[in-house]
Amino acid sequence: MSGDRLGPQGPPALPPDPAAYDSERNAAARRRGLAAPYIPGGRDPDQAKAEQQDRHYLRILLVMVVAIVLAGFVLGIVAMQLGLNGLVGNPV
């Protein structure tokens, strides 16, 4: 397997980045005692769009939770009205 980039020791070491040494991510990596002087990767290139998308998904999540809770109440009321008391916890 001559085309493999990973050797028997694992992934190749990342070169240090002196320009990013004092960034928030690198300081957090040093505080955690990580072996590398910085966390490899980068920030989201379009943070505003990512936050907008997160808010959109949060709204969808909240609507789904409210819909599920309300559906439980509605189904309970309908079952009670149809006389299916055993399903709603009232065996009388």
PDB file of N, CA and C in Angstrom:
ATOM      1  N   MET A   1       0.825  -1.180   0.000  1.00  0.00           N
ATOM      2  CA  MET A   1       0.000   0.000   0.000  1.00  0.00           C
ATOM      3  C   MET A   1       0.870   1.244   0.000  1.00  0.00           C
ATOM      4  N   SER A   2       1.465   1.518  -1.107  1.00  0.00           N
ATOM      5  CA  SER A   2       2.379   2.651  -1.178  1.00  0.00           C
ATOM      6  C   SER A   2       1.647   3.985  -1.237  1.00  0.00           C
ATOM      7  N   GLY A   3       0.337   3.977  -1.538  1.00  0.00           N
ATOM      8  CA  GLY A   3      -0.410   5.223  -1.637  1.00  0.00           C
ATOM      9  C   GLY A   3      -0.965   5.699  -0.316  1.00  0.00           C
ATOM     10  N   ASP A   4      -0.819   4.907   0.760  1.00  0.00           N
ATOM     11  CA  ASP A   4      -1.349   5.306   2.064  1.00  0.00           C
ATOM     12  C   ASP A   4      -0.550   6.473   2.632  1.00  0.00           C
ATOM     13  N   ARG A   5      -1.266   7.434   3.172  1.00  0.00           N
ATOM     14  CA  ARG A   5      -0.609   8.554   3.834  1.00  0.00           C
ATOM     15  C   ARG A   5      -0.343   8.232   5.289  1.00  0.00           C
ATOM     16  N   LEU A   6      -1.113   7.303   5.859  1.00  0.00           N
ATOM     17  CA  LEU A   6      -0.939   6.954   7.259  1.00  0.00           C
ATOM     18  C   LEU A   6       0.121   5.876   7.380  1.00  0.00           C
ATOM     19  N   GLY A   7       1.043   6.105   8.244  1.00  0.00           N
ATOM     20  CA  GLY A   7       2.077   5.116   8.480  1.00  0.00           C
ATOM     21  C   GLY A   7       1.688   4.225   9.642  1.00  0.00           C
ATOM     22  N   PRO A   8       2.592   3.364  10.064  1.00  0.00           N
ATOM     23  CA  PRO A   8       2.284   2.481  11.186  1.00  0.00           C
ATOM     24  C   PRO A   8       2.139   3.241  12.505  1.00  0.00           C
ATOM     25  N   GLN A   9       2.634   4.469  12.565  1.00  0.00           N
ATOM     26  CA  GLN A   9       2.551   5.255  13.796  1.00  0.00           C
ATOM     27  C   GLN A   9       1.248   6.061  13.874  1.00  0.00           C
ATOM     28  N   GLY A  10       0.440   6.087  12.856  1.00  0.00           N
ATOM     29  CA  GLY A  10      -0.798   6.858  12.861  1.00  0.00           C
ATOM     30  C   GLY A  10      -0.723   8.003  11.878  1.00  0.00           C
ATOM     31  N   PRO A  11      -1.571   9.005  12.058  1.00  0.00           N
ATOM     32  CA  PRO A  11      -1.599  10.126  11.115  1.00  0.00           C
ATOM     33  C   PRO A  11      -0.323  10.950  11.218  1.00  0.00           C
ATOM     34  N   PRO A  12       0.055  11.589  10.116  1.00  0.00           N
ATOM     35  CA  PRO A  12       1.264  12.418  10.149  1.00  0.00           C
ATOM     36  C   PRO A  12       1.057  13.621  11.068  1.00  0.00           C
ATOM     37  N   ALA A  13       2.120  14.059  11.700  1.00  0.00           N
ATOM     38  CA  ALA A  13       2.044  15.210  12.599  1.00  0.00           C
ATOM     39  C   ALA A  13       1.804  16.481  11.786  1.00  0.00           C
ATOM     40  N   LEU A  14       0.969  17.348  12.349  1.00  0.00           N
ATOM     41  CA  LEU A  14       0.692  18.614  11.675  1.00  0.00           C
ATOM     42  C   LEU A  14       1.791  19.614  12.011  1.00  0.00           C
ATOM     43  N   PRO A  15       2.208  20.421  11.040  1.00  0.00           N
ATOM     44  CA  PRO A  15       3.245  21.415  11.331  1.00  0.00           C
ATOM     45  C   PRO A  15       2.672  22.516  12.222  1.00  0.00           C
ATOM     46  N   PRO A  16       3.480  23.087  13.105  1.00  0.00           N
ATOM     47  CA  PRO A  16       2.975  24.167  13.962  1.00  0.00           C
ATOM     48  C   PRO A  16       2.638  25.405  13.140  1.00  0.00           C
ATOM     49  N   ASP A  17       1.707  26.162  13.625  1.00  0.00           N
ATOM     50  CA  ASP A  17       1.258  27.381  12.947  1.00  0.00           C
ATOM     51  C   ASP A  17       1.529  28.564  13.877  1.00  0.00           C
ATOM     52  N   PRO A  18       2.688  29.228  13.731  1.00  0.00           N
ATOM     53  CA  PRO A  18       3.033  30.316  14.658  1.00  0.00           C
ATOM     54  C   PRO A  18       2.039  31.464  14.620  1.00  0.00           C
ATOM     55  N   ALA A  19       1.414  31.714  13.481  1.00  0.00           N
ATOM     56  CA  ALA A  19       0.481  32.839  13.381  1.00  0.00           C
ATOM     57  C   ALA A  19      -0.783  32.587  14.200  1.00  0.00           C
ATOM     58  N   ALA A  20      -1.160  31.322  14.381  1.00  0.00           N
ATOM     59  CA  ALA A  20      -2.390  31.011  15.105  1.00  0.00           C
ATOM     60  C   ALA A  20      -2.126  30.539  16.527  1.00  0.00           C
ATOM     61  N   TYR A  21      -0.897  30.688  17.014  1.00  0.00           N
ATOM     62  CA  TYR A  21      -0.532  30.145  18.327  1.00  0.00           C
ATOM     63  C   TYR A  21      -1.357  30.763  19.450  1.00  0.00           C
ATOM     64  N   ASP A  22      -1.631  32.049  19.378  1.00  0.00           N
ATOM     65  CA  ASP A  22      -2.334  32.732  20.461  1.00  0.00           C
ATOM     66  C   ASP A  22      -3.846  32.799  20.260  1.00  0.00           C
ATOM     67  N   SER A  23      -4.369  32.096  19.287  1.00  0.00           N
ATOM     68  CA  SER A  23      -5.814  32.147  19.071  1.00  0.00           C
ATOM     69  C   SER A  23      -6.543  31.436  20.202  1.00  0.00           C
ATOM     70  N   GLU A  24      -7.820  31.678  20.280  1.00  0.00           N
ATOM     71  CA  GLU A  24      -8.666  31.097  21.334  1.00  0.00           C
ATOM     72  C   GLU A  24      -8.623  29.564  21.305  1.00  0.00           C
ATOM     73  N   ARG A  25      -8.687  28.992  20.115  1.00  0.00           N
ATOM     74  CA  ARG A  25      -8.670  27.538  19.985  1.00  0.00           C
ATOM     75  C   ARG A  25      -7.352  26.942  20.464  1.00  0.00           C
ATOM     76  N   ASN A  26      -6.253  27.587  20.124  1.00  0.00           N
ATOM     77  CA  ASN A  26      -4.945  27.065  20.526  1.00  0.00           C
ATOM     78  C   ASN A  26      -4.731  27.174  22.028  1.00  0.00           C
ATOM     79  N   ALA A  27      -5.160  28.280  22.601  1.00  0.00           N
ATOM     80  CA  ALA A  27      -5.040  28.428  24.051  1.00  0.00           C
ATOM     81  C   ALA A  27      -5.866  27.363  24.762  1.00  0.00           C
ATOM     82  N   ALA A  28      -7.061  27.060  24.236  1.00  0.00           N
ATOM     83  CA  ALA A  28      -7.903  26.018  24.834  1.00  0.00           C
ATOM     84  C   ALA A  28      -7.235  24.654  24.713  1.00  0.00           C
ATOM     85  N   ALA A  29      -6.578  24.403  23.591  1.00  0.00           N
ATOM     86  CA  ALA A  29      -5.891  23.123  23.404  1.00  0.00           C
ATOM     87  C   ALA A  29      -4.739  22.991  24.397  1.00  0.00           C
ATOM     88  N   ARG A  30      -4.004  24.057  24.631  1.00  0.00           N
ATOM     89  CA  ARG A  30      -2.896  24.001  25.589  1.00  0.00           C
ATOM     90  C   ARG A  30      -3.409  23.820  27.012  1.00  0.00           C
ATOM     91  N   ARG A  31      -4.527  24.483  27.356  1.00  0.00           N
ATOM     92  CA  ARG A  31      -5.101  24.325  28.696  1.00  0.00           C
ATOM     93  C   ARG A  31      -5.528  22.881  28.950  1.00  0.00           C
ATOM     94  N   ARG A  32      -5.985  22.198  27.897  1.00  0.00           N
ATOM     95  CA  ARG A  32      -6.423  20.810  28.035  1.00  0.00           C
ATOM     96  C   ARG A  32      -5.254  19.839  27.998  1.00  0.00           C
ATOM     97  N   GLY A  33      -4.076  20.336  27.714  1.00  0.00           N
ATOM     98  CA  GLY A  33      -2.903  19.480  27.705  1.00  0.00           C
ATOM     99  C   GLY A  33      -2.823  18.582  26.487  1.00  0.00           C
ATOM    100  N   LEU A  34      -3.355  19.032  25.357  1.00  0.00           N
ATOM    101  CA  LEU A  34      -3.290  18.231  24.144  1.00  0.00           C
ATOM    102  C   LEU A  34      -1.853  18.162  23.634  1.00  0.00           C
ATOM    103  N   ALA A  35      -1.550  17.070  22.934  1.00  0.00           N
ATOM    104  CA  ALA A  35      -0.185  16.871  22.446  1.00  0.00           C
ATOM    105  C   ALA A  35       0.183  17.902  21.381  1.00  0.00           C
ATOM    106  N   ALA A  36      -0.765  18.267  20.543  1.00  0.00           N
ATOM    107  CA  ALA A  36      -0.495  19.241  19.487  1.00  0.00           C
ATOM    108  C   ALA A  36      -0.605  20.651  20.072  1.00  0.00           C
ATOM    109  N   PRO A  37       0.164  21.609  19.540  1.00  0.00           N
ATOM    110  CA  PRO A  37       0.095  22.961  20.067  1.00  0.00           C
ATOM    111  C   PRO A  37      -1.197  23.691  19.682  1.00  0.00           C
ATOM    112  N   TYR A  38      -1.989  23.101  18.816  1.00  0.00           N
ATOM    113  CA  TYR A  38      -3.246  23.726  18.427  1.00  0.00           C
ATOM    114  C   TYR A  38      -4.211  22.652  17.958  1.00  0.00           C
ATOM    115  N   ILE A  39      -5.478  22.993  17.937  1.00  0.00           N
ATOM    116  CA  ILE A  39      -6.504  22.071  17.469  1.00  0.00           C
ATOM    117  C   ILE A  39      -6.553  22.193  15.950  1.00  0.00           C
ATOM    118  N   PRO A  40      -6.277  21.097  15.209  1.00  0.00           N
ATOM    119  CA  PRO A  40      -6.311  21.200  13.751  1.00  0.00           C
ATOM    120  C   PRO A  40      -7.728  21.478  13.258  1.00  0.00           C
ATOM    121  N   GLY A  41      -7.826  22.182  12.197  1.00  0.00           N
ATOM    122  CA  GLY A  41      -9.128  22.538  11.641  1.00  0.00           C
ATOM    123  C   GLY A  41      -9.253  24.041  11.612  1.00  0.00           C
ATOM    124  N   GLY A  42     -10.420  24.498  11.362  1.00  0.00           N
ATOM    125  CA  GLY A  42     -10.603  25.939  11.310  1.00  0.00           C
ATOM    126  C   GLY A  42     -11.993  26.329  11.721  1.00  0.00           C
ATOM    127  N   ARG A  43     -12.220  27.592  11.732  1.00  0.00           N
ATOM    128  CA  ARG A  43     -13.542  28.113  12.056  1.00  0.00           C
ATOM    129  C   ARG A  43     -14.429  28.017  10.820  1.00  0.00           C
ATOM    130  N   ASP A  44     -15.723  28.129  11.051  1.00  0.00           N
ATOM    131  CA  ASP A  44     -16.675  28.085   9.958  1.00  0.00           C
ATOM    132  C   ASP A  44     -16.444  29.305   9.066  1.00  0.00           C
ATOM    133  N   PRO A  45     -16.297  29.112   7.760  1.00  0.00           N
ATOM    134  CA  PRO A  45     -16.010  30.260   6.890  1.00  0.00           C
ATOM    135  C   PRO A  45     -17.172  31.242   6.795  1.00  0.00           C
ATOM    136  N   ASP A  46     -18.395  30.769   7.036  1.00  0.00           N
ATOM    137  CA  ASP A  46     -19.552  31.662   6.983  1.00  0.00           C
ATOM    138  C   ASP A  46     -20.347  31.495   8.274  1.00  0.00           C
ATOM    139  N   GLN A  47     -19.827  32.078   9.354  1.00  0.00           N
ATOM    140  CA  GLN A  47     -20.412  31.892  10.683  1.00  0.00           C
ATOM    141  C   GLN A  47     -21.835  32.433  10.747  1.00  0.00           C
ATOM    142  N   ALA A  48     -22.102  33.553  10.109  1.00  0.00           N
ATOM    143  CA  ALA A  48     -23.446  34.142  10.159  1.00  0.00           C
ATOM    144  C   ALA A  48     -24.471  33.203   9.531  1.00  0.00           C
ATOM    145  N   LYS A  49     -24.121  32.605   8.408  1.00  0.00           N
ATOM    146  CA  LYS A  49     -25.042  31.675   7.752  1.00  0.00           C
ATOM    147  C   LYS A  49     -25.250  30.426   8.601  1.00  0.00           C
ATOM    148  N   ALA A  50     -24.186  29.943   9.243  1.00  0.00           N
ATOM    149  CA  ALA A  50     -24.293  28.757  10.093  1.00  0.00           C
ATOM    150  C   ALA A  50     -25.196  29.044  11.293  1.00  0.00           C
ATOM    151  N   GLU A  51     -25.070  30.221  11.902  1.00  0.00           N
ATOM    152  CA  GLU A  51     -25.922  30.573  13.039  1.00  0.00           C
ATOM    153  C   GLU A  51     -27.369  30.736  12.610  1.00  0.00           C
ATOM    154  N   GLN A  52     -27.600  31.293  11.421  1.00  0.00           N
ATOM    155  CA  GLN A  52     -28.966  31.434  10.903  1.00  0.00           C
ATOM    156  C   GLN A  52     -29.581  30.050  10.692  1.00  0.00           C
ATOM    157  N   GLN A  53     -28.816  29.129  10.152  1.00  0.00           N
ATOM    158  CA  GLN A  53     -29.303  27.777   9.931  1.00  0.00           C
ATOM    159  C   GLN A  53     -29.573  27.081  11.267  1.00  0.00           C
ATOM    160  N   ASP A  54     -28.729  27.314  12.268  1.00  0.00           N
ATOM    161  CA  ASP A  54     -28.958  26.742  13.596  1.00  0.00           C
ATOM    162  C   ASP A  54     -30.268  27.253  14.198  1.00  0.00           C
ATOM    163  N   ARG A  55     -30.528  28.556  14.059  1.00  0.00           N
ATOM    164  CA  ARG A  55     -31.778  29.118  14.577  1.00  0.00           C
ATOM    165  C   ARG A  55     -32.976  28.516  13.858  1.00  0.00           C
ATOM    166  N   HIS A  56     -32.844  28.304  12.560  1.00  0.00           N
ATOM    167  CA  HIS A  56     -33.929  27.701  11.769  1.00  0.00           C
ATOM    168  C   HIS A  56     -34.232  26.299  12.280  1.00  0.00           C
ATOM    169  N   TYR A  57     -33.195  25.496  12.496  1.00  0.00           N
ATOM    170  CA  TYR A  57     -33.402  24.134  12.991  1.00  0.00           C
ATOM    171  C   TYR A  57     -33.928  24.126  14.420  1.00  0.00           C
ATOM    172  N   LEU A  58     -33.543  25.109  15.233  1.00  0.00           N
ATOM    173  CA  LEU A  58     -34.064  25.207  16.587  1.00  0.00           C
ATOM    174  C   LEU A  58     -35.565  25.478  16.564  1.00  0.00           C
ATOM    175  N   ARG A  59     -35.994  26.370  15.680  1.00  0.00           N
ATOM    176  CA  ARG A  59     -37.433  26.645  15.558  1.00  0.00           C
ATOM    177  C   ARG A  59     -38.187  25.388  15.137  1.00  0.00           C
ATOM    178  N   ILE A  60     -37.651  24.655  14.171  1.00  0.00           N
ATOM    179  CA  ILE A  60     -38.296  23.416  13.737  1.00  0.00           C
ATOM    180  C   ILE A  60     -38.382  22.428  14.898  1.00  0.00           C
ATOM    181  N   LEU A  61     -37.315  22.305  15.662  1.00  0.00           N
ATOM    182  CA  LEU A  61     -37.302  21.396  16.802  1.00  0.00           C
ATOM    183  C   LEU A  61     -38.365  21.785  17.825  1.00  0.00           C
ATOM    184  N   LEU A  62     -38.455  23.077  18.151  1.00  0.00           N
ATOM    185  CA  LEU A  62     -39.451  23.525  19.125  1.00  0.00           C
ATOM    186  C   LEU A  62     -40.872  23.281  18.631  1.00  0.00           C
ATOM    187  N   VAL A  63     -41.129  23.518  17.354  1.00  0.00           N
ATOM    188  CA  VAL A  63     -42.460  23.264  16.788  1.00  0.00           C
ATOM    189  C   VAL A  63     -42.781  21.782  16.870  1.00  0.00           C
ATOM    190  N   MET A  64     -41.812  20.920  16.592  1.00  0.00           N
ATOM    191  CA  MET A  64     -42.050  19.484  16.663  1.00  0.00           C
ATOM    192  C   MET A  64     -42.358  19.049  18.094  1.00  0.00           C
ATOM    193  N   VAL A  65     -41.646  19.571  19.072  1.00  0.00           N
ATOM    194  CA  VAL A  65     -41.897  19.209  20.471  1.00  0.00           C
ATOM    195  C   VAL A  65     -43.294  19.647  20.890  1.00  0.00           C
ATOM    196  N   VAL A  66     -43.667  20.872  20.558  1.00  0.00           N
ATOM    197  CA  VAL A  66     -44.993  21.370  20.908  1.00  0.00           C
ATOM    198  C   VAL A  66     -46.069  20.537  20.217  1.00  0.00           C
ATOM    199  N   ALA A  67     -45.866  20.193  18.948  1.00  0.00           N
ATOM    200  CA  ALA A  67     -46.844  19.392  18.215  1.00  0.00           C
ATOM    201  C   ALA A  67     -47.011  18.006  18.839  1.00  0.00           C
ATOM    202  N   ILE A  68     -45.924  17.387  19.268  1.00  0.00           N
ATOM    203  CA  ILE A  68     -46.013  16.055  19.877  1.00  0.00           C
ATOM    204  C   ILE A  68     -46.752  16.121  21.207  1.00  0.00           C
ATOM    205  N   VAL A  69     -46.458  17.130  22.029  1.00  0.00           N
ATOM    206  CA  VAL A  69     -47.135  17.257  23.319  1.00  0.00           C
ATOM    207  C   VAL A  69     -48.615  17.535  23.114  1.00  0.00           C
ATOM    208  N   LEU A  70     -48.946  18.455  22.226  1.00  0.00           N
ATOM    209  CA  LEU A  70     -50.356  18.762  21.969  1.00  0.00           C
ATOM    210  C   LEU A  70     -51.086  17.568  21.367  1.00  0.00           C
ATOM    211  N   ALA A  71     -50.433  16.813  20.507  1.00  0.00           N
ATOM    212  CA  ALA A  71     -51.062  15.627  19.926  1.00  0.00           C
ATOM    213  C   ALA A  71     -51.396  14.617  21.013  1.00  0.00           C
ATOM    214  N   GLY A  72     -50.561  14.489  22.024  1.00  0.00           N
ATOM    215  CA  GLY A  72     -50.862  13.596  23.137  1.00  0.00           C
ATOM    216  C   GLY A  72     -52.113  14.026  23.879  1.00  0.00           C
ATOM    217  N   PHE A  73     -52.244  15.325  24.130  1.00  0.00           N
ATOM    218  CA  PHE A  73     -53.457  15.818  24.783  1.00  0.00           C
ATOM    219  C   PHE A  73     -54.684  15.597  23.907  1.00  0.00           C
ATOM    220  N   VAL A  74     -54.577  15.927  22.644  1.00  0.00           N
ATOM    221  CA  VAL A  74     -55.719  15.787  21.730  1.00  0.00           C
ATOM    222  C   VAL A  74     -56.137  14.322  21.623  1.00  0.00           C
ATOM    223  N   LEU A  75     -55.179  13.425  21.462  1.00  0.00           N
ATOM    224  CA  LEU A  75     -55.528  12.002  21.362  1.00  0.00           C
ATOM    225  C   LEU A  75     -56.140  11.494  22.665  1.00  0.00           C
ATOM    226  N   GLY A  76     -55.675  11.973  23.798  1.00  0.00           N
ATOM    227  CA  GLY A  76     -56.265  11.590  25.077  1.00  0.00           C
ATOM    228  C   GLY A  76     -57.697  12.059  25.210  1.00  0.00           C
ATOM    229  N   ILE A  77     -57.958  13.288  24.794  1.00  0.00           N
ATOM    230  CA  ILE A  77     -59.321  13.827  24.866  1.00  0.00           C
ATOM    231  C   ILE A  77     -60.240  13.077  23.912  1.00  0.00           C
ATOM    232  N   VAL A  78     -59.771  12.808  22.711  1.00  0.00           N
ATOM    233  CA  VAL A  78     -60.575  12.070  21.729  1.00  0.00           C
ATOM    234  C   VAL A  78     -60.868  10.661  22.244  1.00  0.00           C
ATOM    235  N   ALA A  79     -59.882   9.990  22.813  1.00  0.00           N
ATOM    236  CA  ALA A  79     -60.091   8.639  23.345  1.00  0.00           C
ATOM    237  C   ALA A  79     -61.099   8.678  24.494  1.00  0.00           C
ATOM    238  N   MET A  80     -61.034   9.710  25.323  1.00  0.00           N
ATOM    239  CA  MET A  80     -61.976   9.818  26.428  1.00  0.00           C
ATOM    240  C   MET A  80     -63.390  10.052  25.908  1.00  0.00           C
ATOM    241  N   GLN A  81     -63.539  10.880  24.886  1.00  0.00           N
ATOM    242  CA  GLN A  81     -64.853  11.170  24.310  1.00  0.00           C
ATOM    243  C   GLN A  81     -65.460   9.951  23.617  1.00  0.00           C
ATOM    244  N   LEU A  82     -64.600   9.096  23.069  1.00  0.00           N
ATOM    245  CA  LEU A  82     -65.093   7.896  22.388  1.00  0.00           C
ATOM    246  C   LEU A  82     -65.362   6.747  23.358  1.00  0.00           C
ATOM    247  N   GLY A  83     -65.106   6.977  24.625  1.00  0.00           N
ATOM    248  CA  GLY A  83     -65.375   5.956  25.621  1.00  0.00           C
ATOM    249  C   GLY A  83     -64.264   4.936  25.773  1.00  0.00           C
ATOM    250  N   LEU A  84     -63.105   5.244  25.287  1.00  0.00           N
ATOM    251  CA  LEU A  84     -61.955   4.345  25.403  1.00  0.00           C
ATOM    252  C   LEU A  84     -61.184   4.693  26.672  1.00  0.00           C
ATOM    253  N   ASN A  85     -61.862   4.589  27.803  1.00  0.00           N
ATOM    254  CA  ASN A  85     -61.284   5.044  29.069  1.00  0.00           C
ATOM    255  C   ASN A  85     -60.072   4.214  29.475  1.00  0.00           C
ATOM    256  N   GLY A  86     -59.997   2.959  29.061  1.00  0.00           N
ATOM    257  CA  GLY A  86     -58.853   2.135  29.411  1.00  0.00           C
ATOM    258  C   GLY A  86     -57.571   2.662  28.802  1.00  0.00           C
ATOM    259  N   LEU A  87     -57.682   3.381  27.694  1.00  0.00           N
ATOM    260  CA  LEU A  87     -56.502   3.928  27.023  1.00  0.00           C
ATOM    261  C   LEU A  87     -55.993   5.201  27.678  1.00  0.00           C
ATOM    262  N   VAL A  88     -56.857   5.894  28.400  1.00  0.00           N
ATOM    263  CA  VAL A  88     -56.442   7.163  29.000  1.00  0.00           C
ATOM    264  C   VAL A  88     -56.186   7.032  30.490  1.00  0.00           C
ATOM    265  N   GLY A  89     -56.197   5.822  31.031  1.00  0.00           N
ATOM    266  CA  GLY A  89     -55.842   5.606  32.422  1.00  0.00           C
ATOM    267  C   GLY A  89     -56.995   5.691  33.387  1.00  0.00           C
ATOM    268  N   ASN A  90     -58.246   5.755  32.919  1.00  0.00           N
ATOM    269  CA  ASN A  90     -59.406   5.800  33.774  1.00  0.00           C
ATOM    270  C   ASN A  90     -60.228   4.533  33.526  1.00  0.00           C
ATOM    271  N   PRO A  91     -60.024   3.459  34.309  1.00  0.00           N
ATOM    272  CA  PRO A  91     -60.654   2.177  33.989  1.00  0.00           C
ATOM    273  C   PRO A  91     -62.154   2.114  34.299  1.00  0.00           C
ATOM    274  N   VAL A  92     -62.774   3.170  34.797  1.00  0.00           N
ATOM    275  CA  VAL A  92     -64.202   3.131  35.155  1.00  0.00           C
ATOM    276  C   VAL A  92     -65.068   3.208  33.935  1.00  0.00           C
TER     277      VAL A  92
END
